[in-house]
Amino acid sequence: MISKRMHGQRSESAEPASSLGKPEVFAHPSERIAAQILDYYEIRWEYEPTTFALEWDSRGNPVSSFTPDFYLPDLELYIELTTMNQKLVTRKNRKVRKLRELYPHVNVIIFYQRDFRNLLLKYGLHAPSEKPLEPTESDVCDGES
């Protein structure tokens, strides 16, 4: 399913806003910061517009799915922002691999904790206050365990 809500349009508030002018509600503070960066560079984005079914039961009902954080329509690119612990990152990596197998026409990238931290440092921003970004195993070893 695809939602046609368009985001990434400039608003008067500091909060990223939908095309309706309402501030978007994000699942994690890092997603809000990512949306603000996209807004700053005037990159159109949609927040969690598509859920991809990954596994189905015997009756064809989805039992596992994946919803990337952002879709950049001008680039035809989905972005998953991951600033969580390694165990959850490994599970997310598996889901993205499965998505690529089932939907090879879909472009998706994972933006890892270290990538996000480097972006924040580059632009002189601070990490989301409610969860400090600490180095993870993925900063040392890119492979799955």
N, C-alpha and C. Protein backbone atom coordinates (compact mmCIF):
# COMPACT_ATOMS: atom_id res chain seq x y z
N MET A 1 0.83 -1.17 0.00
CA MET A 1 0.00 0.00 0.00
C MET A 1 0.88 1.24 0.00
N ILE A 2 0.45 2.25 -0.73
CA ILE A 2 1.23 3.46 -0.84
C ILE A 2 0.37 4.65 -0.44
N SER A 3 0.87 5.42 0.49
CA SER A 3 0.19 6.65 0.89
C SER A 3 0.70 7.77 0.00
N LYS A 4 -0.16 8.66 -0.38
CA LYS A 4 0.23 9.77 -1.25
C LYS A 4 0.53 11.05 -0.47
N ARG A 5 0.70 10.93 0.86
CA ARG A 5 1.02 12.11 1.66
C ARG A 5 2.40 12.60 1.27
N MET A 6 2.51 13.83 0.90
CA MET A 6 3.80 14.41 0.53
C MET A 6 4.31 15.27 1.67
N HIS A 7 5.58 15.15 1.92
CA HIS A 7 6.21 15.91 2.98
C HIS A 7 7.42 16.62 2.40
N GLY A 8 8.15 17.26 3.27
CA GLY A 8 9.38 17.88 2.84
C GLY A 8 9.16 19.26 2.25
N GLN A 9 8.05 19.86 2.58
CA GLN A 9 7.81 21.22 2.12
C GLN A 9 8.11 22.16 3.28
N ARG A 10 8.72 23.28 2.97
CA ARG A 10 9.10 24.24 3.99
C ARG A 10 7.88 24.71 4.78
N SER A 11 8.07 24.86 6.07
CA SER A 11 7.02 25.43 6.91
C SER A 11 7.65 26.51 7.76
N GLU A 12 6.82 27.31 8.38
CA GLU A 12 7.32 28.40 9.21
C GLU A 12 7.89 27.89 10.53
N SER A 13 7.43 26.75 11.01
CA SER A 13 7.93 26.22 12.28
C SER A 13 9.25 25.49 12.05
N ALA A 14 9.94 25.20 13.13
CA ALA A 14 11.20 24.47 13.04
C ALA A 14 10.95 22.98 12.84
N GLU A 15 9.71 22.54 13.05
CA GLU A 15 9.38 21.13 12.92
C GLU A 15 9.13 20.78 11.46
N PRO A 16 9.61 19.62 10.99
CA PRO A 16 9.26 19.17 9.64
C PRO A 16 7.75 19.03 9.55
N ALA A 17 7.18 19.45 8.43
CA ALA A 17 5.73 19.46 8.32
C ALA A 17 5.26 18.79 7.04
N SER A 18 4.07 18.24 7.12
CA SER A 18 3.45 17.66 5.94
C SER A 18 2.99 18.77 5.02
N SER A 19 2.57 18.38 3.84
CA SER A 19 2.08 19.38 2.89
C SER A 19 0.83 20.08 3.41
N LEU A 20 0.19 19.50 4.42
CA LEU A 20 -0.98 20.13 5.04
C LEU A 20 -0.58 21.15 6.09
N GLY A 21 0.72 21.27 6.33
CA GLY A 21 1.22 22.24 7.31
C GLY A 21 1.22 21.72 8.73
N LYS A 22 0.84 20.45 8.95
CA LYS A 22 0.86 19.88 10.29
C LYS A 22 2.22 19.27 10.56
N PRO A 23 2.81 19.55 11.72
CA PRO A 23 4.08 18.90 12.05
C PRO A 23 3.92 17.38 12.07
N GLU A 24 4.90 16.69 11.51
CA GLU A 24 4.88 15.23 11.44
C GLU A 24 5.25 14.65 12.80
N VAL A 25 4.68 13.52 13.14
CA VAL A 25 5.01 12.81 14.37
C VAL A 25 5.93 11.65 13.99
N PHE A 26 7.11 11.64 14.56
CA PHE A 26 8.12 10.64 14.23
C PHE A 26 8.26 9.62 15.35
N ALA A 27 8.67 8.40 14.98
CA ALA A 27 8.85 7.33 15.95
C ALA A 27 10.11 7.54 16.80
N HIS A 28 11.09 8.28 16.30
CA HIS A 28 12.35 8.49 17.02
C HIS A 28 12.86 9.89 16.72
N PRO A 29 13.50 10.54 17.69
CA PRO A 29 14.02 11.90 17.46
C PRO A 29 14.99 12.00 16.28
N SER A 30 15.72 10.94 16.00
CA SER A 30 16.67 10.99 14.88
C SER A 30 15.93 11.15 13.55
N GLU A 31 14.71 10.62 13.46
CA GLU A 31 13.93 10.77 12.23
C GLU A 31 13.51 12.23 12.03
N ARG A 32 13.18 12.91 13.11
CA ARG A 32 12.84 14.33 13.03
C ARG A 32 14.03 15.13 12.53
N ILE A 33 15.21 14.83 13.05
CA ILE A 33 16.42 15.54 12.62
C ILE A 33 16.71 15.26 11.15
N ALA A 34 16.56 14.00 10.73
CA ALA A 34 16.78 13.65 9.32
C ALA A 34 15.80 14.43 8.43
N ALA A 35 14.55 14.53 8.85
CA ALA A 35 13.55 15.28 8.07
C ALA A 35 13.91 16.76 8.00
N GLN A 36 14.44 17.32 9.08
CA GLN A 36 14.85 18.73 9.07
C GLN A 36 16.00 18.94 8.09
N ILE A 37 16.92 17.99 8.02
CA ILE A 37 18.03 18.09 7.06
C ILE A 37 17.50 18.01 5.63
N LEU A 38 16.59 17.08 5.39
CA LEU A 38 15.99 16.97 4.06
C LEU A 38 15.24 18.26 3.70
N ASP A 39 14.51 18.82 4.66
CA ASP A 39 13.81 20.08 4.42
C ASP A 39 14.79 21.20 4.09
N TYR A 40 15.88 21.26 4.85
CA TYR A 40 16.87 22.32 4.64
C TYR A 40 17.38 22.30 3.20
N TYR A 41 17.61 21.10 2.68
CA TYR A 41 18.11 20.96 1.31
C TYR A 41 16.99 20.87 0.28
N GLU A 42 15.76 21.13 0.72
CA GLU A 42 14.59 21.14 -0.14
C GLU A 42 14.43 19.84 -0.93
N ILE A 43 14.68 18.74 -0.22
CA ILE A 43 14.49 17.40 -0.79
C ILE A 43 13.10 16.92 -0.36
N ARG A 44 12.25 16.65 -1.34
CA ARG A 44 10.91 16.17 -1.02
C ARG A 44 11.00 14.79 -0.39
N TRP A 45 10.17 14.57 0.63
CA TRP A 45 10.18 13.29 1.31
C TRP A 45 8.78 12.92 1.77
N GLU A 46 8.60 11.62 1.98
CA GLU A 46 7.39 11.07 2.58
C GLU A 46 7.84 10.23 3.77
N TYR A 47 7.09 10.30 4.85
CA TYR A 47 7.43 9.54 6.05
C TYR A 47 6.61 8.25 6.10
N GLU A 48 7.30 7.13 6.11
CA GLU A 48 6.70 5.79 6.21
C GLU A 48 5.48 5.61 5.30
N PRO A 49 5.64 5.89 4.00
CA PRO A 49 4.47 5.81 3.12
C PRO A 49 4.12 4.40 2.65
N THR A 50 5.07 3.48 2.70
CA THR A 50 4.87 2.17 2.10
C THR A 50 5.27 1.06 3.06
N THR A 51 4.42 0.07 3.17
CA THR A 51 4.75 -1.14 3.92
C THR A 51 4.87 -2.28 2.93
N PHE A 52 6.01 -2.95 2.95
CA PHE A 52 6.27 -4.06 2.05
C PHE A 52 6.06 -5.37 2.79
N ALA A 53 5.18 -6.22 2.29
CA ALA A 53 5.00 -7.56 2.87
C ALA A 53 6.23 -8.39 2.54
N LEU A 54 6.73 -9.13 3.53
CA LEU A 54 7.93 -9.95 3.34
C LEU A 54 7.65 -11.44 3.45
N GLU A 55 6.65 -11.81 4.25
CA GLU A 55 6.28 -13.21 4.43
C GLU A 55 4.77 -13.29 4.57
N TRP A 56 4.20 -14.43 4.12
CA TRP A 56 2.76 -14.62 4.15
C TRP A 56 2.44 -15.96 4.79
N ASP A 57 1.24 -16.06 5.38
CA ASP A 57 0.79 -17.34 5.90
C ASP A 57 0.18 -18.15 4.77
N SER A 58 -0.34 -19.32 5.08
CA SER A 58 -0.86 -20.22 4.06
C SER A 58 -2.09 -19.66 3.33
N ARG A 59 -2.76 -18.68 3.92
CA ARG A 59 -3.92 -18.05 3.28
C ARG A 59 -3.55 -16.78 2.52
N GLY A 60 -2.25 -16.46 2.48
CA GLY A 60 -1.81 -15.28 1.75
C GLY A 60 -1.83 -13.99 2.54
N ASN A 61 -2.04 -14.07 3.84
CA ASN A 61 -2.04 -12.88 4.68
C ASN A 61 -0.61 -12.54 5.10
N PRO A 62 -0.21 -11.29 5.02
CA PRO A 62 1.15 -10.93 5.45
C PRO A 62 1.35 -11.22 6.93
N VAL A 63 2.48 -11.85 7.24
CA VAL A 63 2.84 -12.12 8.64
C VAL A 63 4.12 -11.40 9.03
N SER A 64 4.84 -10.88 8.05
CA SER A 64 6.05 -10.10 8.30
C SER A 64 6.11 -9.01 7.24
N SER A 65 6.47 -7.81 7.69
CA SER A 65 6.53 -6.69 6.75
C SER A 65 7.64 -5.73 7.17
N PHE A 66 7.88 -4.76 6.29
CA PHE A 66 8.92 -3.77 6.54
C PHE A 66 8.45 -2.43 6.01
N THR A 67 8.56 -1.38 6.82
CA THR A 67 8.16 -0.03 6.44
C THR A 67 9.37 0.89 6.57
N PRO A 68 10.04 1.22 5.47
CA PRO A 68 11.18 2.15 5.55
C PRO A 68 10.74 3.52 6.07
N ASP A 69 11.66 4.21 6.73
CA ASP A 69 11.34 5.49 7.36
C ASP A 69 10.96 6.58 6.37
N PHE A 70 11.73 6.71 5.30
CA PHE A 70 11.52 7.80 4.36
C PHE A 70 11.49 7.30 2.93
N TYR A 71 10.73 8.00 2.11
CA TYR A 71 10.79 7.81 0.67
C TYR A 71 11.08 9.17 0.05
N LEU A 72 12.10 9.21 -0.83
CA LEU A 72 12.48 10.43 -1.54
C LEU A 72 11.99 10.27 -2.97
N PRO A 73 10.80 10.81 -3.30
CA PRO A 73 10.20 10.54 -4.61
C PRO A 73 11.02 11.03 -5.79
N ASP A 74 11.73 12.14 -5.65
CA ASP A 74 12.52 12.64 -6.77
C ASP A 74 13.72 11.75 -7.07
N LEU A 75 14.15 10.98 -6.09
CA LEU A 75 15.28 10.06 -6.26
C LEU A 75 14.81 8.61 -6.36
N GLU A 76 13.52 8.38 -6.18
CA GLU A 76 12.97 7.02 -6.16
C GLU A 76 13.76 6.14 -5.21
N LEU A 77 13.93 6.62 -3.97
CA LEU A 77 14.79 5.98 -2.99
C LEU A 77 14.10 5.92 -1.64
N TYR A 78 14.12 4.72 -1.02
CA TYR A 78 13.67 4.55 0.35
C TYR A 78 14.89 4.60 1.26
N ILE A 79 14.72 5.20 2.43
CA ILE A 79 15.80 5.27 3.42
C ILE A 79 15.29 4.73 4.75
N GLU A 80 16.06 3.84 5.32
CA GLU A 80 15.80 3.34 6.66
C GLU A 80 16.89 3.90 7.56
N LEU A 81 16.50 4.64 8.56
CA LEU A 81 17.43 5.24 9.51
C LEU A 81 17.53 4.34 10.72
N THR A 82 18.72 3.87 11.03
CA THR A 82 18.92 2.91 12.12
C THR A 82 19.92 3.44 13.12
N THR A 83 19.42 3.82 14.29
CA THR A 83 20.31 4.32 15.35
C THR A 83 20.10 3.49 16.61
N MET A 84 19.91 2.19 16.43
CA MET A 84 19.60 1.33 17.56
C MET A 84 20.69 0.29 17.79
N ASN A 85 20.46 -0.58 18.77
CA ASN A 85 21.47 -1.57 19.13
C ASN A 85 21.68 -2.60 18.03
N GLN A 86 22.81 -3.26 18.07
CA GLN A 86 23.24 -4.15 16.99
C GLN A 86 22.29 -5.32 16.76
N LYS A 87 21.71 -5.86 17.81
CA LYS A 87 20.79 -6.99 17.65
C LYS A 87 19.62 -6.60 16.75
N LEU A 88 19.07 -5.42 16.96
CA LEU A 88 17.95 -4.96 16.14
C LEU A 88 18.40 -4.57 14.74
N VAL A 89 19.63 -4.06 14.61
CA VAL A 89 20.16 -3.71 13.30
C VAL A 89 20.31 -4.98 12.46
N THR A 90 20.76 -6.06 13.05
CA THR A 90 20.92 -7.33 12.34
C THR A 90 19.58 -7.80 11.80
N ARG A 91 18.53 -7.70 12.61
CA ARG A 91 17.19 -8.09 12.16
C ARG A 91 16.73 -7.18 11.02
N LYS A 92 17.00 -5.89 11.14
CA LYS A 92 16.61 -4.94 10.08
C LYS A 92 17.38 -5.23 8.80
N ASN A 93 18.67 -5.56 8.91
CA ASN A 93 19.46 -5.93 7.73
C ASN A 93 18.83 -7.12 7.00
N ARG A 94 18.36 -8.10 7.76
CA ARG A 94 17.71 -9.27 7.16
C ARG A 94 16.45 -8.87 6.41
N LYS A 95 15.66 -7.98 7.02
CA LYS A 95 14.43 -7.53 6.36
C LYS A 95 14.73 -6.77 5.07
N VAL A 96 15.76 -5.93 5.09
CA VAL A 96 16.11 -5.19 3.88
C VAL A 96 16.61 -6.15 2.79
N ARG A 97 17.38 -7.15 3.17
CA ARG A 97 17.82 -8.17 2.20
C ARG A 97 16.63 -8.88 1.57
N LYS A 98 15.66 -9.24 2.41
CA LYS A 98 14.45 -9.91 1.92
C LYS A 98 13.66 -8.98 1.01
N LEU A 99 13.55 -7.72 1.39
CA LEU A 99 12.85 -6.74 0.55
C LEU A 99 13.51 -6.66 -0.82
N ARG A 100 14.83 -6.61 -0.85
CA ARG A 100 15.56 -6.53 -2.14
C ARG A 100 15.35 -7.78 -2.98
N GLU A 101 15.22 -8.95 -2.34
CA GLU A 101 14.96 -10.19 -3.08
C GLU A 101 13.56 -10.18 -3.69
N LEU A 102 12.57 -9.77 -2.90
CA LEU A 102 11.18 -9.81 -3.34
C LEU A 102 10.79 -8.65 -4.25
N TYR A 103 11.43 -7.50 -4.05
CA TYR A 103 11.09 -6.29 -4.80
C TYR A 103 12.38 -5.69 -5.39
N PRO A 104 12.98 -6.35 -6.37
CA PRO A 104 14.28 -5.89 -6.90
C PRO A 104 14.23 -4.50 -7.55
N HIS A 105 13.06 -4.04 -7.92
CA HIS A 105 12.92 -2.71 -8.53
C HIS A 105 12.91 -1.58 -7.50
N VAL A 106 12.84 -1.93 -6.21
CA VAL A 106 12.78 -0.93 -5.14
C VAL A 106 14.19 -0.60 -4.66
N ASN A 107 14.53 0.68 -4.67
CA ASN A 107 15.83 1.14 -4.18
C ASN A 107 15.69 1.51 -2.71
N VAL A 108 16.47 0.85 -1.86
CA VAL A 108 16.42 1.11 -0.43
C VAL A 108 17.84 1.08 0.12
N ILE A 109 18.12 2.02 1.02
CA ILE A 109 19.41 2.01 1.72
C ILE A 109 19.16 2.12 3.22
N ILE A 110 20.09 1.58 3.97
CA ILE A 110 20.06 1.71 5.43
C ILE A 110 21.09 2.76 5.81
N PHE A 111 20.66 3.72 6.58
CA PHE A 111 21.54 4.76 7.10
C PHE A 111 21.83 4.38 8.54
N TYR A 112 23.04 3.87 8.79
CA TYR A 112 23.40 3.32 10.09
C TYR A 112 23.72 4.41 11.11
N GLN A 113 23.80 3.99 12.38
CA GLN A 113 24.09 4.90 13.48
C GLN A 113 25.35 5.72 13.22
N ARG A 114 26.41 5.08 12.76
CA ARG A 114 27.67 5.80 12.52
C ARG A 114 27.50 6.83 11.40
N ASP A 115 26.71 6.49 10.37
CA ASP A 115 26.44 7.44 9.29
C ASP A 115 25.69 8.65 9.81
N PHE A 116 24.69 8.41 10.64
CA PHE A 116 23.90 9.50 11.20
C PHE A 116 24.76 10.37 12.11
N ARG A 117 25.57 9.72 12.94
CA ARG A 117 26.45 10.47 13.84
C ARG A 117 27.42 11.33 13.04
N ASN A 118 27.99 10.78 11.96
CA ASN A 118 28.90 11.56 11.12
C ASN A 118 28.20 12.74 10.46
N LEU A 119 26.94 12.55 10.06
CA LEU A 119 26.17 13.63 9.48
C LEU A 119 25.94 14.74 10.51
N LEU A 120 25.60 14.35 11.73
CA LEU A 120 25.41 15.34 12.79
C LEU A 120 26.69 16.12 13.07
N LEU A 121 27.80 15.40 13.12
CA LEU A 121 29.09 16.07 13.35
C LEU A 121 29.43 17.02 12.22
N LYS A 122 29.18 16.60 10.99
CA LYS A 122 29.49 17.41 9.81
C LYS A 122 28.75 18.75 9.85
N TYR A 123 27.49 18.72 10.30
CA TYR A 123 26.67 19.92 10.30
C TYR A 123 26.60 20.60 11.66
N GLY A 124 27.42 20.13 12.62
CA GLY A 124 27.47 20.76 13.93
C GLY A 124 26.19 20.59 14.73
N LEU A 125 25.50 19.50 14.49
CA LEU A 125 24.26 19.22 15.20
C LEU A 125 24.54 18.28 16.36
N HIS A 126 23.54 18.10 17.20
CA HIS A 126 23.68 17.21 18.35
C HIS A 126 22.79 16.00 18.16
N ALA A 127 23.19 14.91 18.77
CA ALA A 127 22.39 13.68 18.72
C ALA A 127 21.09 13.89 19.47
N PRO A 128 20.05 13.15 19.13
CA PRO A 128 18.79 13.25 19.87
C PRO A 128 19.04 13.07 21.36
N SER A 129 18.44 13.93 22.16
CA SER A 129 18.75 13.99 23.59
C SER A 129 18.27 12.78 24.38
N GLU A 130 17.20 12.13 23.95
CA GLU A 130 16.67 11.07 24.78
C GLU A 130 17.45 9.76 24.70
N LYS A 131 18.30 9.59 23.69
CA LYS A 131 19.10 8.37 23.60
C LYS A 131 20.46 8.72 23.00
N PRO A 132 21.51 8.79 23.82
CA PRO A 132 22.81 9.14 23.27
C PRO A 132 23.29 8.08 22.29
N LEU A 133 23.97 8.54 21.25
CA LEU A 133 24.51 7.63 20.26
C LEU A 133 25.86 7.13 20.73
N GLU A 134 25.93 5.86 21.01
CA GLU A 134 27.16 5.23 21.46
C GLU A 134 27.69 4.35 20.34
N PRO A 135 29.01 4.13 20.28
CA PRO A 135 29.54 3.22 19.26
C PRO A 135 28.94 1.83 19.42
N THR A 136 28.70 1.19 18.29
CA THR A 136 28.16 -0.16 18.32
C THR A 136 29.15 -1.10 17.63
N GLU A 137 28.84 -2.39 17.66
CA GLU A 137 29.68 -3.36 16.97
C GLU A 137 29.76 -3.04 15.49
N SER A 138 28.67 -2.49 14.92
CA SER A 138 28.68 -2.19 13.47
C SER A 138 29.70 -1.10 13.13
N ASP A 139 30.08 -0.28 14.12
CA ASP A 139 31.12 0.72 13.86
C ASP A 139 32.48 0.06 13.70
N VAL A 140 32.63 -1.10 14.32
CA VAL A 140 33.90 -1.81 14.26
C VAL A 140 33.88 -2.88 13.18
N CYS A 141 32.74 -3.56 13.05
CA CYS A 141 32.62 -4.69 12.10
C CYS A 141 31.33 -4.53 11.32
N ASP A 142 31.44 -4.34 10.00
CA ASP A 142 30.27 -4.13 9.17
C ASP A 142 29.48 -5.40 8.90
N GLY A 143 30.07 -6.56 9.10
CA GLY A 143 29.37 -7.80 8.79
C GLY A 143 28.40 -8.19 9.88
N GLU A 144 27.46 -9.04 9.52
CA GLU A 144 26.51 -9.53 10.51
C GLU A 144 27.16 -10.62 11.33
N SER A 145 26.70 -10.75 12.58
CA SER A 145 27.24 -11.78 13.45
C SER A 145 26.44 -13.04 13.37
